[in-house]
Amino acid sequence: MLSFNLAPIFRMRGIEKPYSFLVKAGLSPYTATTILNDMMHVLRLDHVELLCDLLVCEPNDLLAWQPDKNKIYPDNYPLAKLKFQPADTELADTLSKMSYKELKEVTQNIIQRQTAENVDEPH
């Protein structure tokens, strides 16, 4: 079964009030509640696009797949890439344990990557 898996993205983006965030972004209160409570049974592509735009992610990042316990899947099953896997650590926790030197290196890597992506984008 596919479901939205937004909690890790909200945590990584520092979004503490996902409901308010989604409503302010233009989703109806009903839609925001439906998404956050994993009651969404129909995906509207405009909602997927809005979420991807807001959270700076790809559609696959929004979804998690839970295999049916009564079914055997081949190793190369396409949805296996979306299988839910809880994050080992929180980003803030990881960063808090890094030395200042390591933090500077990470920051520099991010800046270099963003610069390279901006150069590669067609104008």
PDB file of N, CA and C in Angstrom:
ATOM      1  N   MET A   1       0.837  -1.166   0.000  1.00  0.00           N
ATOM      2  CA  MET A   1       0.000   0.000   0.000  1.00  0.00           C
ATOM      3  C   MET A   1       0.890   1.240   0.000  1.00  0.00           C
ATOM      4  N   LEU A   2       0.571   2.180  -0.840  1.00  0.00           N
ATOM      5  CA  LEU A   2       1.286   3.457  -0.882  1.00  0.00           C
ATOM      6  C   LEU A   2       0.626   4.451   0.063  1.00  0.00           C
ATOM      7  N   SER A   3       1.439   5.264   0.702  1.00  0.00           N
ATOM      8  CA  SER A   3       0.924   6.325   1.559  1.00  0.00           C
ATOM      9  C   SER A   3       1.903   7.499   1.537  1.00  0.00           C
ATOM     10  N   PHE A   4       1.404   8.649   1.950  1.00  0.00           N
ATOM     11  CA  PHE A   4       2.290   9.796   2.070  1.00  0.00           C
ATOM     12  C   PHE A   4       3.235   9.570   3.240  1.00  0.00           C
ATOM     13  N   ASN A   5       4.454  10.023   3.090  1.00  0.00           N
ATOM     14  CA  ASN A   5       5.470   9.891   4.136  1.00  0.00           C
ATOM     15  C   ASN A   5       6.136  11.254   4.299  1.00  0.00           C
ATOM     16  N   LEU A   6       5.366  12.213   4.770  1.00  0.00           N
ATOM     17  CA  LEU A   6       5.835  13.594   4.830  1.00  0.00           C
ATOM     18  C   LEU A   6       6.557  13.961   6.122  1.00  0.00           C
ATOM     19  N   ALA A   7       6.324  13.233   7.191  1.00  0.00           N
ATOM     20  CA  ALA A   7       6.909  13.597   8.491  1.00  0.00           C
ATOM     21  C   ALA A   7       8.429  13.772   8.427  1.00  0.00           C
ATOM     22  N   PRO A   8       9.182  12.863   7.799  1.00  0.00           N
ATOM     23  CA  PRO A   8      10.635  13.061   7.757  1.00  0.00           C
ATOM     24  C   PRO A   8      11.036  14.322   6.988  1.00  0.00           C
ATOM     25  N   ILE A   9      10.300  14.636   5.934  1.00  0.00           N
ATOM     26  CA  ILE A   9      10.622  15.837   5.149  1.00  0.00           C
ATOM     27  C   ILE A   9      10.316  17.088   5.971  1.00  0.00           C
ATOM     28  N   PHE A  10       9.172  17.079   6.666  1.00  0.00           N
ATOM     29  CA  PHE A  10       8.845  18.220   7.528  1.00  0.00           C
ATOM     30  C   PHE A  10       9.929  18.430   8.583  1.00  0.00           C
ATOM     31  N   ARG A  11      10.391  17.329   9.207  1.00  0.00           N
ATOM     32  CA  ARG A  11      11.458  17.448  10.221  1.00  0.00           C
ATOM     33  C   ARG A  11      12.730  18.022   9.612  1.00  0.00           C
ATOM     34  N   MET A  12      13.126  17.492   8.443  1.00  0.00           N
ATOM     35  CA  MET A  12      14.362  17.957   7.798  1.00  0.00           C
ATOM     36  C   MET A  12      14.263  19.428   7.392  1.00  0.00           C
ATOM     37  N   ARG A  13      13.072  19.878   7.053  1.00  0.00           N
ATOM     38  CA  ARG A  13      12.867  21.265   6.639  1.00  0.00           C
ATOM     39  C   ARG A  13      12.567  22.188   7.816  1.00  0.00           C
ATOM     40  N   GLY A  14      12.504  21.626   9.022  1.00  0.00           N
ATOM     41  CA  GLY A  14      12.244  22.449  10.209  1.00  0.00           C
ATOM     42  C   GLY A  14      10.813  22.949  10.295  1.00  0.00           C
ATOM     43  N   ILE A  15       9.881  22.226   9.691  1.00  0.00           N
ATOM     44  CA  ILE A  15       8.467  22.611   9.707  1.00  0.00           C
ATOM     45  C   ILE A  15       7.827  21.975  10.938  1.00  0.00           C
ATOM     46  N   GLU A  16       7.542  22.803  11.918  1.00  0.00           N
ATOM     47  CA  GLU A  16       7.024  22.307  13.194  1.00  0.00           C
ATOM     48  C   GLU A  16       5.508  22.170  13.215  1.00  0.00           C
ATOM     49  N   LYS A  17       4.827  22.921  12.341  1.00  0.00           N
ATOM     50  CA  LYS A  17       3.363  22.867  12.288  1.00  0.00           C
ATOM     51  C   LYS A  17       2.941  22.554  10.852  1.00  0.00           C
ATOM     52  N   PRO A  18       3.000  21.277  10.485  1.00  0.00           N
ATOM     53  CA  PRO A  18       2.698  20.890   9.101  1.00  0.00           C
ATOM     54  C   PRO A  18       1.305  21.308   8.627  1.00  0.00           C
ATOM     55  N   TYR A  19       0.308  21.195   9.487  1.00  0.00           N
ATOM     56  CA  TYR A  19      -1.050  21.568   9.088  1.00  0.00           C
ATOM     57  C   TYR A  19      -1.095  23.040   8.676  1.00  0.00           C
ATOM     58  N   SER A  20      -0.594  23.905   9.525  1.00  0.00           N
ATOM     59  CA  SER A  20      -0.584  25.342   9.211  1.00  0.00           C
ATOM     60  C   SER A  20       0.225  25.621   7.955  1.00  0.00           C
ATOM     61  N   PHE A  21       1.341  24.946   7.822  1.00  0.00           N
ATOM     62  CA  PHE A  21       2.203  25.105   6.658  1.00  0.00           C
ATOM     63  C   PHE A  21       1.440  24.770   5.371  1.00  0.00           C
ATOM     64  N   LEU A  22       0.742  23.639   5.375  1.00  0.00           N
ATOM     65  CA  LEU A  22       0.020  23.215   4.179  1.00  0.00           C
ATOM     66  C   LEU A  22      -1.156  24.124   3.854  1.00  0.00           C
ATOM     67  N   VAL A  23      -1.877  24.566   4.871  1.00  0.00           N
ATOM     68  CA  VAL A  23      -3.022  25.458   4.645  1.00  0.00           C
ATOM     69  C   VAL A  23      -2.540  26.814   4.133  1.00  0.00           C
ATOM     70  N   LYS A  24      -1.472  27.353   4.725  1.00  0.00           N
ATOM     71  CA  LYS A  24      -0.927  28.626   4.254  1.00  0.00           C
ATOM     72  C   LYS A  24      -0.418  28.520   2.821  1.00  0.00           C
ATOM     73  N   ALA A  25       0.000  27.318   2.418  1.00  0.00           N
ATOM     74  CA  ALA A  25       0.520  27.099   1.070  1.00  0.00           C
ATOM     75  C   ALA A  25      -0.600  26.968   0.039  1.00  0.00           C
ATOM     76  N   GLY A  26      -1.850  26.875   0.498  1.00  0.00           N
ATOM     77  CA  GLY A  26      -2.952  26.849  -0.447  1.00  0.00           C
ATOM     78  C   GLY A  26      -3.813  25.605  -0.439  1.00  0.00           C
ATOM     79  N   LEU A  27      -3.458  24.597   0.362  1.00  0.00           N
ATOM     80  CA  LEU A  27      -4.319  23.422   0.458  1.00  0.00           C
ATOM     81  C   LEU A  27      -5.491  23.732   1.382  1.00  0.00           C
ATOM     82  N   SER A  28      -6.637  23.146   1.093  1.00  0.00           N
ATOM     83  CA  SER A  28      -7.795  23.354   1.965  1.00  0.00           C
ATOM     84  C   SER A  28      -7.526  22.675   3.312  1.00  0.00           C
ATOM     85  N   PRO A  29      -8.179  23.146   4.364  1.00  0.00           N
ATOM     86  CA  PRO A  29      -8.017  22.484   5.660  1.00  0.00           C
ATOM     87  C   PRO A  29      -8.356  20.992   5.592  1.00  0.00           C
ATOM     88  N   TYR A  30      -9.392  20.650   4.844  1.00  0.00           N
ATOM     89  CA  TYR A  30      -9.780  19.243   4.695  1.00  0.00           C
ATOM     90  C   TYR A  30      -8.659  18.442   4.028  1.00  0.00           C
ATOM     91  N   THR A  31      -8.102  18.964   2.935  1.00  0.00           N
ATOM     92  CA  THR A  31      -7.041  18.254   2.217  1.00  0.00           C
ATOM     93  C   THR A  31      -5.797  18.116   3.089  1.00  0.00           C
ATOM     94  N   ALA A  32      -5.437  19.181   3.802  1.00  0.00           N
ATOM     95  CA  ALA A  32      -4.269  19.122   4.687  1.00  0.00           C
ATOM     96  C   ALA A  32      -4.470  18.048   5.756  1.00  0.00           C
ATOM     97  N   THR A  33      -5.639  18.008   6.361  1.00  0.00           N
ATOM     98  CA  THR A  33      -5.936  17.007   7.377  1.00  0.00           C
ATOM     99  C   THR A  33      -5.893  15.600   6.790  1.00  0.00           C
ATOM    100  N   THR A  34      -6.473  15.456   5.607  1.00  0.00           N
ATOM    101  CA  THR A  34      -6.507  14.143   4.946  1.00  0.00           C
ATOM    102  C   THR A  34      -5.097  13.640   4.646  1.00  0.00           C
ATOM    103  N   ILE A  35      -4.257  14.513   4.154  1.00  0.00           N
ATOM    104  CA  ILE A  35      -2.872  14.142   3.839  1.00  0.00           C
ATOM    105  C   ILE A  35      -2.114  13.783   5.118  1.00  0.00           C
ATOM    106  N   LEU A  36      -2.204  14.622   6.119  1.00  0.00           N
ATOM    107  CA  LEU A  36      -1.435  14.428   7.351  1.00  0.00           C
ATOM    108  C   LEU A  36      -1.896  13.218   8.164  1.00  0.00           C
ATOM    109  N   ASN A  37      -3.153  12.854   8.033  1.00  0.00           N
ATOM    110  CA  ASN A  37      -3.676  11.696   8.775  1.00  0.00           C
ATOM    111  C   ASN A  37      -3.666  10.425   7.939  1.00  0.00           C
ATOM    112  N   ASP A  38      -2.963  10.477   6.819  1.00  0.00           N
ATOM    113  CA  ASP A  38      -2.804   9.319   5.933  1.00  0.00           C
ATOM    114  C   ASP A  38      -4.146   8.718   5.527  1.00  0.00           C
ATOM    115  N   MET A  39      -5.092   9.603   5.203  1.00  0.00           N
ATOM    116  CA  MET A  39      -6.406   9.155   4.758  1.00  0.00           C
ATOM    117  C   MET A  39      -6.615   9.456   3.279  1.00  0.00           C
ATOM    118  N   MET A  40      -5.573   9.869   2.600  1.00  0.00           N
ATOM    119  CA  MET A  40      -5.674  10.236   1.191  1.00  0.00           C
ATOM    120  C   MET A  40      -5.720   8.968   0.354  1.00  0.00           C
ATOM    121  N   HIS A  41      -6.785   8.801  -0.399  1.00  0.00           N
ATOM    122  CA  HIS A  41      -6.935   7.614  -1.239  1.00  0.00           C
ATOM    123  C   HIS A  41      -6.824   7.941  -2.723  1.00  0.00           C
ATOM    124  N   VAL A  42      -6.909   9.221  -3.051  1.00  0.00           N
ATOM    125  CA  VAL A  42      -6.794   9.667  -4.433  1.00  0.00           C
ATOM    126  C   VAL A  42      -5.746  10.774  -4.477  1.00  0.00           C
ATOM    127  N   LEU A  43      -4.766  10.589  -5.329  1.00  0.00           N
ATOM    128  CA  LEU A  43      -3.708  11.593  -5.469  1.00  0.00           C
ATOM    129  C   LEU A  43      -4.054  12.552  -6.595  1.00  0.00           C
ATOM    130  N   ARG A  44      -4.167  13.805  -6.266  1.00  0.00           N
ATOM    131  CA  ARG A  44      -4.331  14.813  -7.306  1.00  0.00           C
ATOM    132  C   ARG A  44      -2.943  15.289  -7.693  1.00  0.00           C
ATOM    133  N   LEU A  45      -2.682  15.311  -8.973  1.00  0.00           N
ATOM    134  CA  LEU A  45      -1.353  15.687  -9.434  1.00  0.00           C
ATOM    135  C   LEU A  45      -1.003  17.121  -9.069  1.00  0.00           C
ATOM    136  N   ASP A  46      -1.986  18.011  -9.020  1.00  0.00           N
ATOM    137  CA  ASP A  46      -1.674  19.383  -8.623  1.00  0.00           C
ATOM    138  C   ASP A  46      -1.254  19.442  -7.154  1.00  0.00           C
ATOM    139  N   HIS A  47      -1.794  18.547  -6.321  1.00  0.00           N
ATOM    140  CA  HIS A  47      -1.361  18.493  -4.921  1.00  0.00           C
ATOM    141  C   HIS A  47       0.060  17.942  -4.824  1.00  0.00           C
ATOM    142  N   VAL A  48       0.353  16.913  -5.593  1.00  0.00           N
ATOM    143  CA  VAL A  48       1.706  16.339  -5.597  1.00  0.00           C
ATOM    144  C   VAL A  48       2.701  17.404  -6.053  1.00  0.00           C
ATOM    145  N   GLU A  49       2.363  18.122  -7.114  1.00  0.00           N
ATOM    146  CA  GLU A  49       3.259  19.164  -7.615  1.00  0.00           C
ATOM    147  C   GLU A  49       3.451  20.268  -6.580  1.00  0.00           C
ATOM    148  N   LEU A  50       2.381  20.681  -5.925  1.00  0.00           N
ATOM    149  CA  LEU A  50       2.486  21.712  -4.895  1.00  0.00           C
ATOM    150  C   LEU A  50       3.381  21.240  -3.748  1.00  0.00           C
ATOM    151  N   LEU A  51       3.178  20.014  -3.288  1.00  0.00           N
ATOM    152  CA  LEU A  51       4.004  19.478  -2.202  1.00  0.00           C
ATOM    153  C   LEU A  51       5.479  19.415  -2.609  1.00  0.00           C
ATOM    154  N   CYS A  52       5.735  18.956  -3.826  1.00  0.00           N
ATOM    155  CA  CYS A  52       7.120  18.884  -4.302  1.00  0.00           C
ATOM    156  C   CYS A  52       7.747  20.264  -4.377  1.00  0.00           C
ATOM    157  N   ASP A  53       6.975  21.229  -4.841  1.00  0.00           N
ATOM    158  CA  ASP A  53       7.476  22.601  -4.937  1.00  0.00           C
ATOM    159  C   ASP A  53       7.765  23.168  -3.548  1.00  0.00           C
ATOM    160  N   LEU A  54       6.841  22.988  -2.628  1.00  0.00           N
ATOM    161  CA  LEU A  54       6.988  23.517  -1.263  1.00  0.00           C
ATOM    162  C   LEU A  54       8.141  22.862  -0.505  1.00  0.00           C
ATOM    163  N   LEU A  55       8.276  21.550  -0.676  1.00  0.00           N
ATOM    164  CA  LEU A  55       9.247  20.788   0.111  1.00  0.00           C
ATOM    165  C   LEU A  55      10.547  20.543  -0.642  1.00  0.00           C
ATOM    166  N   VAL A  56      10.635  21.064  -1.862  1.00  0.00           N
ATOM    167  CA  VAL A  56      11.816  20.925  -2.715  1.00  0.00           C
ATOM    168  C   VAL A  56      12.237  19.451  -2.765  1.00  0.00           C
ATOM    169  N   CYS A  57      11.347  18.648  -3.347  1.00  0.00           N
ATOM    170  CA  CYS A  57      11.597  17.223  -3.421  1.00  0.00           C
ATOM    171  C   CYS A  57      10.974  16.636  -4.682  1.00  0.00           C
ATOM    172  N   GLU A  58      11.126  15.351  -4.871  1.00  0.00           N
ATOM    173  CA  GLU A  58      10.556  14.631  -5.994  1.00  0.00           C
ATOM    174  C   GLU A  58       9.331  13.850  -5.518  1.00  0.00           C
ATOM    175  N   PRO A  59       8.428  13.477  -6.429  1.00  0.00           N
ATOM    176  CA  PRO A  59       7.241  12.722  -6.000  1.00  0.00           C
ATOM    177  C   PRO A  59       7.583  11.462  -5.208  1.00  0.00           C
ATOM    178  N   ASN A  60       8.624  10.748  -5.599  1.00  0.00           N
ATOM    179  CA  ASN A  60       9.000   9.538  -4.852  1.00  0.00           C
ATOM    180  C   ASN A  60       9.370   9.844  -3.410  1.00  0.00           C
ATOM    181  N   ASP A  61       9.855  11.056  -3.139  1.00  0.00           N
ATOM    182  CA  ASP A  61      10.221  11.426  -1.774  1.00  0.00           C
ATOM    183  C   ASP A  61       8.991  11.546  -0.876  1.00  0.00           C
ATOM    184  N   LEU A  62       7.836  11.774  -1.472  1.00  0.00           N
ATOM    185  CA  LEU A  62       6.603  11.984  -0.713  1.00  0.00           C
ATOM    186  C   LEU A  62       5.931  10.688  -0.285  1.00  0.00           C
ATOM    187  N   LEU A  63       6.293   9.594  -0.955  1.00  0.00           N
ATOM    188  CA  LEU A  63       5.562   8.340  -0.783  1.00  0.00           C
ATOM    189  C   LEU A  63       6.374   7.263  -0.079  1.00  0.00           C
ATOM    190  N   ALA A  64       5.659   6.412   0.619  1.00  0.00           N
ATOM    191  CA  ALA A  64       6.263   5.217   1.216  1.00  0.00           C
ATOM    192  C   ALA A  64       5.368   4.042   0.857  1.00  0.00           C
ATOM    193  N   TRP A  65       6.003   2.902   0.651  1.00  0.00           N
ATOM    194  CA  TRP A  65       5.265   1.689   0.293  1.00  0.00           C
ATOM    195  C   TRP A  65       5.382   0.675   1.408  1.00  0.00           C
ATOM    196  N   GLN A  66       4.250   0.123   1.804  1.00  0.00           N
ATOM    197  CA  GLN A  66       4.200  -0.929   2.812  1.00  0.00           C
ATOM    198  C   GLN A  66       3.759  -2.209   2.110  1.00  0.00           C
ATOM    199  N   PRO A  67       4.640  -3.207   2.014  1.00  0.00           N
ATOM    200  CA  PRO A  67       4.266  -4.447   1.324  1.00  0.00           C
ATOM    201  C   PRO A  67       3.125  -5.181   2.032  1.00  0.00           C
ATOM    202  N   ASP A  68       2.325  -5.866   1.252  1.00  0.00           N
ATOM    203  CA  ASP A  68       1.267  -6.723   1.784  1.00  0.00           C
ATOM    204  C   ASP A  68       1.939  -7.917   2.459  1.00  0.00           C
ATOM    205  N   LYS A  69       1.625  -8.165   3.710  1.00  0.00           N
ATOM    206  CA  LYS A  69       2.266  -9.245   4.469  1.00  0.00           C
ATOM    207  C   LYS A  69       1.955 -10.628   3.907  1.00  0.00           C
ATOM    208  N   ASN A  70       0.863 -10.736   3.164  1.00  0.00           N
ATOM    209  CA  ASN A  70       0.444 -12.028   2.630  1.00  0.00           C
ATOM    210  C   ASN A  70       0.929 -12.275   1.209  1.00  0.00           C
ATOM    211  N   LYS A  71       1.811 -11.442   0.739  1.00  0.00           N
ATOM    212  CA  LYS A  71       2.265 -11.558  -0.638  1.00  0.00           C
ATOM    213  C   LYS A  71       3.792 -11.592  -0.676  1.00  0.00           C
ATOM    214  N   ILE A  72       4.333 -12.378  -1.593  1.00  0.00           N
ATOM    215  CA  ILE A  72       5.781 -12.444  -1.780  1.00  0.00           C
ATOM    216  C   ILE A  72       6.126 -11.629  -3.021  1.00  0.00           C
ATOM    217  N   TYR A  73       7.111 -10.762  -2.872  1.00  0.00           N
ATOM    218  CA  TYR A  73       7.514  -9.874  -3.963  1.00  0.00           C
ATOM    219  C   TYR A  73       8.906 -10.263  -4.451  1.00  0.00           C
ATOM    220  N   PRO A  74       9.146 -10.132  -5.751  1.00  0.00           N
ATOM    221  CA  PRO A  74      10.493 -10.406  -6.270  1.00  0.00           C
ATOM    222  C   PRO A  74      11.472  -9.339  -5.774  1.00  0.00           C
ATOM    223  N   ASP A  75      12.754  -9.669  -5.775  1.00  0.00           N
ATOM    224  CA  ASP A  75      13.780  -8.731  -5.309  1.00  0.00           C
ATOM    225  C   ASP A  75      13.786  -7.435  -6.110  1.00  0.00           C
ATOM    226  N   ASN A  76      13.434  -7.514  -7.389  1.00  0.00           N
ATOM    227  CA  ASN A  76      13.474  -6.331  -8.248  1.00  0.00           C
ATOM    228  C   ASN A  76      12.109  -5.643  -8.370  1.00  0.00           C
ATOM    229  N   TYR A  77      11.225  -5.863  -7.417  1.00  0.00           N
ATOM    230  CA  TYR A  77       9.893  -5.263  -7.445  1.00  0.00           C
ATOM    231  C   TYR A  77      10.021  -3.738  -7.467  1.00  0.00           C
ATOM    232  N   PRO A  78       9.403  -3.059  -8.439  1.00  0.00           N
ATOM    233  CA  PRO A  78       9.606  -1.612  -8.615  1.00  0.00           C
ATOM    234  C   PRO A  78       9.286  -0.762  -7.378  1.00  0.00           C
ATOM    235  N   LEU A  79       8.248  -1.113  -6.652  1.00  0.00           N
ATOM    236  CA  LEU A  79       7.877  -0.302  -5.489  1.00  0.00           C
ATOM    237  C   LEU A  79       8.798  -0.499  -4.294  1.00  0.00           C
ATOM    238  N   ALA A  80       9.650  -1.506  -4.346  1.00  0.00           N
ATOM    239  CA  ALA A  80      10.570  -1.759  -3.226  1.00  0.00           C
ATOM    240  C   ALA A  80      11.451  -0.555  -2.942  1.00  0.00           C
ATOM    241  N   LYS A  81      11.703   0.256  -3.960  1.00  0.00           N
ATOM    242  CA  LYS A  81      12.515   1.472  -3.758  1.00  0.00           C
ATOM    243  C   LYS A  81      11.815   2.459  -2.830  1.00  0.00           C
ATOM    244  N   LEU A  82      10.506   2.331  -2.716  1.00  0.00           N
ATOM    245  CA  LEU A  82       9.729   3.244  -1.876  1.00  0.00           C
ATOM    246  C   LEU A  82       9.401   2.651  -0.510  1.00  0.00           C
ATOM    247  N   LYS A  83       9.958   1.492  -0.206  1.00  0.00           N
ATOM    248  CA  LYS A  83       9.651   0.841   1.067  1.00  0.00           C
ATOM    249  C   LYS A  83      10.046   1.749   2.225  1.00  0.00           C
ATOM    250  N   PHE A  84       9.128   1.894   3.152  1.00  0.00           N
ATOM    251  CA  PHE A  84       9.359   2.772   4.297  1.00  0.00           C
ATOM    252  C   PHE A  84      10.538   2.287   5.110  1.00  0.00           C
ATOM    253  N   GLN A  85      11.457   3.216   5.364  1.00  0.00           N
ATOM    254  CA  GLN A  85      12.606   2.922   6.215  1.00  0.00           C
ATOM    255  C   GLN A  85      12.803   4.116   7.142  1.00  0.00           C
ATOM    256  N   PRO A  86      12.616   3.909   8.432  1.00  0.00           N
ATOM    257  CA  PRO A  86      12.774   5.028   9.354  1.00  0.00           C
ATOM    258  C   PRO A  86      14.206   5.559   9.324  1.00  0.00           C
ATOM    259  N   ALA A  87      14.320   6.863   9.477  1.00  0.00           N
ATOM    260  CA  ALA A  87      15.644   7.484   9.498  1.00  0.00           C
ATOM    261  C   ALA A  87      16.385   7.046  10.751  1.00  0.00           C
ATOM    262  N   ASP A  88      17.686   6.802  10.601  1.00  0.00           N
ATOM    263  CA  ASP A  88      18.499   6.373  11.730  1.00  0.00           C
ATOM    264  C   ASP A  88      18.719   7.499  12.734  1.00  0.00           C
ATOM    265  N   THR A  89      18.917   8.689  12.225  1.00  0.00           N
ATOM    266  CA  THR A  89      19.184   9.829  13.105  1.00  0.00           C
ATOM    267  C   THR A  89      18.461  11.061  12.594  1.00  0.00           C
ATOM    268  N   GLU A  90      18.345  12.016  13.440  1.00  0.00           N
ATOM    269  CA  GLU A  90      17.782  13.305  13.069  1.00  0.00           C
ATOM    270  C   GLU A  90      18.913  14.202  12.584  1.00  0.00           C
ATOM    271  N   LEU A  91      18.640  15.026  11.637  1.00  0.00           N
ATOM    272  CA  LEU A  91      19.647  15.908  11.071  1.00  0.00           C
ATOM    273  C   LEU A  91      20.259  16.817  12.144  1.00  0.00           C
ATOM    274  N   ALA A  92      19.409  17.439  12.955  1.00  0.00           N
ATOM    275  CA  ALA A  92      19.924  18.345  13.986  1.00  0.00           C
ATOM    276  C   ALA A  92      20.853  17.605  14.945  1.00  0.00           C
ATOM    277  N   ASP A  93      20.498  16.381  15.283  1.00  0.00           N
ATOM    278  CA  ASP A  93      21.329  15.577  16.182  1.00  0.00           C
ATOM    279  C   ASP A  93      22.672  15.275  15.516  1.00  0.00           C
ATOM    280  N   THR A  94      22.635  14.896  14.244  1.00  0.00           N
ATOM    281  CA  THR A  94      23.860  14.603  13.503  1.00  0.00           C
ATOM    282  C   THR A  94      24.751  15.837  13.429  1.00  0.00           C
ATOM    283  N   LEU A  95      24.169  16.972  13.089  1.00  0.00           N
ATOM    284  CA  LEU A  95      24.951  18.205  12.973  1.00  0.00           C
ATOM    285  C   LEU A  95      25.531  18.635  14.308  1.00  0.00           C
ATOM    286  N   SER A  96      24.778  18.438  15.376  1.00  0.00           N
ATOM    287  CA  SER A  96      25.256  18.872  16.697  1.00  0.00           C
ATOM    288  C   SER A  96      26.476  18.078  17.151  1.00  0.00           C
ATOM    289  N   LYS A  97      26.683  16.901  16.589  1.00  0.00           N
ATOM    290  CA  LYS A  97      27.815  16.060  16.973  1.00  0.00           C
ATOM    291  C   LYS A  97      29.039  16.271  16.086  1.00  0.00           C
ATOM    292  N   MET A  98      28.901  17.097  15.056  1.00  0.00           N
ATOM    293  CA  MET A  98      30.026  17.340  14.153  1.00  0.00           C
ATOM    294  C   MET A  98      30.921  18.442  14.700  1.00  0.00           C
ATOM    295  N   SER A  99      32.198  18.340  14.394  1.00  0.00           N
ATOM    296  CA  SER A  99      33.119  19.404  14.791  1.00  0.00           C
ATOM    297  C   SER A  99      32.863  20.633  13.927  1.00  0.00           C
ATOM    298  N   TYR A 100      33.358  21.758  14.373  1.00  0.00           N
ATOM    299  CA  TYR A 100      33.212  22.998  13.615  1.00  0.00           C
ATOM    300  C   TYR A 100      33.847  22.849  12.237  1.00  0.00           C
ATOM    301  N   LYS A 101      34.984  22.196  12.182  1.00  0.00           N
ATOM    302  CA  LYS A 101      35.669  21.981  10.909  1.00  0.00           C
ATOM    303  C   LYS A 101      34.781  21.166   9.958  1.00  0.00           C
ATOM    304  N   GLU A 102      34.166  20.119  10.486  1.00  0.00           N
ATOM    305  CA  GLU A 102      33.279  19.293   9.661  1.00  0.00           C
ATOM    306  C   GLU A 102      32.062  20.085   9.181  1.00  0.00           C
ATOM    307  N   LEU A 103      31.506  20.914  10.051  1.00  0.00           N
ATOM    308  CA  LEU A 103      30.369  21.746   9.665  1.00  0.00           C
ATOM    309  C   LEU A 103      30.741  22.709   8.539  1.00  0.00           C
ATOM    310  N   LYS A 104      31.937  23.291   8.625  1.00  0.00           N
ATOM    311  CA  LYS A 104      32.393  24.186   7.566  1.00  0.00           C
ATOM    312  C   LYS A 104      32.541  23.428   6.254  1.00  0.00           C
ATOM    313  N   GLU A 105      33.063  22.202   6.314  1.00  0.00           N
ATOM    314  CA  GLU A 105      33.221  21.390   5.103  1.00  0.00           C
ATOM    315  C   GLU A 105      31.869  21.050   4.487  1.00  0.00           C
ATOM    316  N   VAL A 106      30.907  20.673   5.318  1.00  0.00           N
ATOM    317  CA  VAL A 106      29.573  20.360   4.829  1.00  0.00           C
ATOM    318  C   VAL A 106      28.955  21.590   4.169  1.00  0.00           C
ATOM    319  N   THR A 107      29.075  22.726   4.817  1.00  0.00           N
ATOM    320  CA  THR A 107      28.544  23.965   4.267  1.00  0.00           C
ATOM    321  C   THR A 107      29.180  24.287   2.921  1.00  0.00           C
ATOM    322  N   GLN A 108      30.491  24.137   2.832  1.00  0.00           N
ATOM    323  CA  GLN A 108      31.200  24.405   1.578  1.00  0.00           C
ATOM    324  C   GLN A 108      30.745  23.440   0.478  1.00  0.00           C
ATOM    325  N   ASN A 109      30.567  22.181   0.826  1.00  0.00           N
ATOM    326  CA  ASN A 109      30.075  21.198  -0.153  1.00  0.00           C
ATOM    327  C   ASN A 109      28.694  21.562  -0.668  1.00  0.00           C
ATOM    328  N   ILE A 110      27.840  22.019   0.221  1.00  0.00           N
ATOM    329  CA  ILE A 110      26.489  22.417  -0.177  1.00  0.00           C
ATOM    330  C   ILE A 110      26.554  23.610  -1.124  1.00  0.00           C
ATOM    331  N   ILE A 111      27.364  24.595  -0.776  1.00  0.00           N
ATOM    332  CA  ILE A 111      27.497  25.784  -1.628  1.00  0.00           C
ATOM    333  C   ILE A 111      28.035  25.399  -3.002  1.00  0.00           C
ATOM    334  N   GLN A 112      29.043  24.537  -3.044  1.00  0.00           N
ATOM    335  CA  GLN A 112      29.612  24.099  -4.322  1.00  0.00           C
ATOM    336  C   GLN A 112      28.573  23.348  -5.149  1.00  0.00           C
ATOM    337  N   ARG A 113      27.802  22.518  -4.507  1.00  0.00           N
ATOM    338  CA  ARG A 113      26.775  21.760  -5.230  1.00  0.00           C
ATOM    339  C   ARG A 113      25.703  22.683  -5.793  1.00  0.00           C
ATOM    340  N   GLN A 114      25.268  23.654  -4.994  1.00  0.00           N
ATOM    341  CA  GLN A 114      24.257  24.601  -5.460  1.00  0.00           C
ATOM    342  C   GLN A 114      24.795  25.433  -6.628  1.00  0.00           C
ATOM    343  N   THR A 115      26.049  25.840  -6.534  1.00  0.00           N
ATOM    344  CA  THR A 115      26.667  26.617  -7.603  1.00  0.00           C
ATOM    345  C   THR A 115      26.732  25.785  -8.883  1.00  0.00           C
ATOM    346  N   ALA A 116      27.130  24.523  -8.763  1.00  0.00           N
ATOM    347  CA  ALA A 116      27.212  23.648  -9.925  1.00  0.00           C
ATOM    348  C   ALA A 116      25.835  23.424 -10.541  1.00  0.00           C
ATOM    349  N   GLU A 117      24.812  23.260  -9.731  1.00  0.00           N
ATOM    350  CA  GLU A 117      23.459  23.060 -10.243  1.00  0.00           C
ATOM    351  C   GLU A 117      22.972  24.307 -10.965  1.00  0.00           C
ATOM    352  N   ASN A 118      23.282  25.490 -10.439  1.00  0.00           N
ATOM    353  CA  ASN A 118      22.872  26.734 -11.079  1.00  0.00           C
ATOM    354  C   ASN A 118      23.554  26.924 -12.428  1.00  0.00           C
ATOM    355  N   VAL A 119      24.800  26.480 -12.549  1.00  0.00           N
ATOM    356  CA  VAL A 119      25.537  26.588 -13.802  1.00  0.00           C
ATOM    357  C   VAL A 119      24.957  25.630 -14.833  1.00  0.00           C
ATOM    358  N   ASP A 120      24.526  24.439 -14.383  1.00  0.00           N
ATOM    359  CA  ASP A 120      24.000  23.418 -15.277  1.00  0.00           C
ATOM    360  C   ASP A 120      22.597  23.712 -15.778  1.00  0.00           C
ATOM    361  N   GLU A 121      21.850  24.562 -15.071  1.00  0.00           N
ATOM    362  CA  GLU A 121      20.461  24.846 -15.465  1.00  0.00           C
ATOM    363  C   GLU A 121      20.434  25.702 -16.713  1.00  0.00           C
ATOM    364  N   PRO A 122      19.556  25.343 -17.672  1.00  0.00           N
ATOM    365  CA  PRO A 122      19.410  26.171 -18.872  1.00  0.00           C
ATOM    366  C   PRO A 122      18.712  27.486 -18.515  1.00  0.00           C
ATOM    367  N   HIS A 123      19.083  28.539 -19.183  1.00  0.00           N
ATOM    368  CA  HIS A 123      18.482  29.847 -18.898  1.00  0.00           C
ATOM    369  C   HIS A 123      17.512  30.229 -19.962  1.00  0.00           C
TER     370      HIS A 123
END
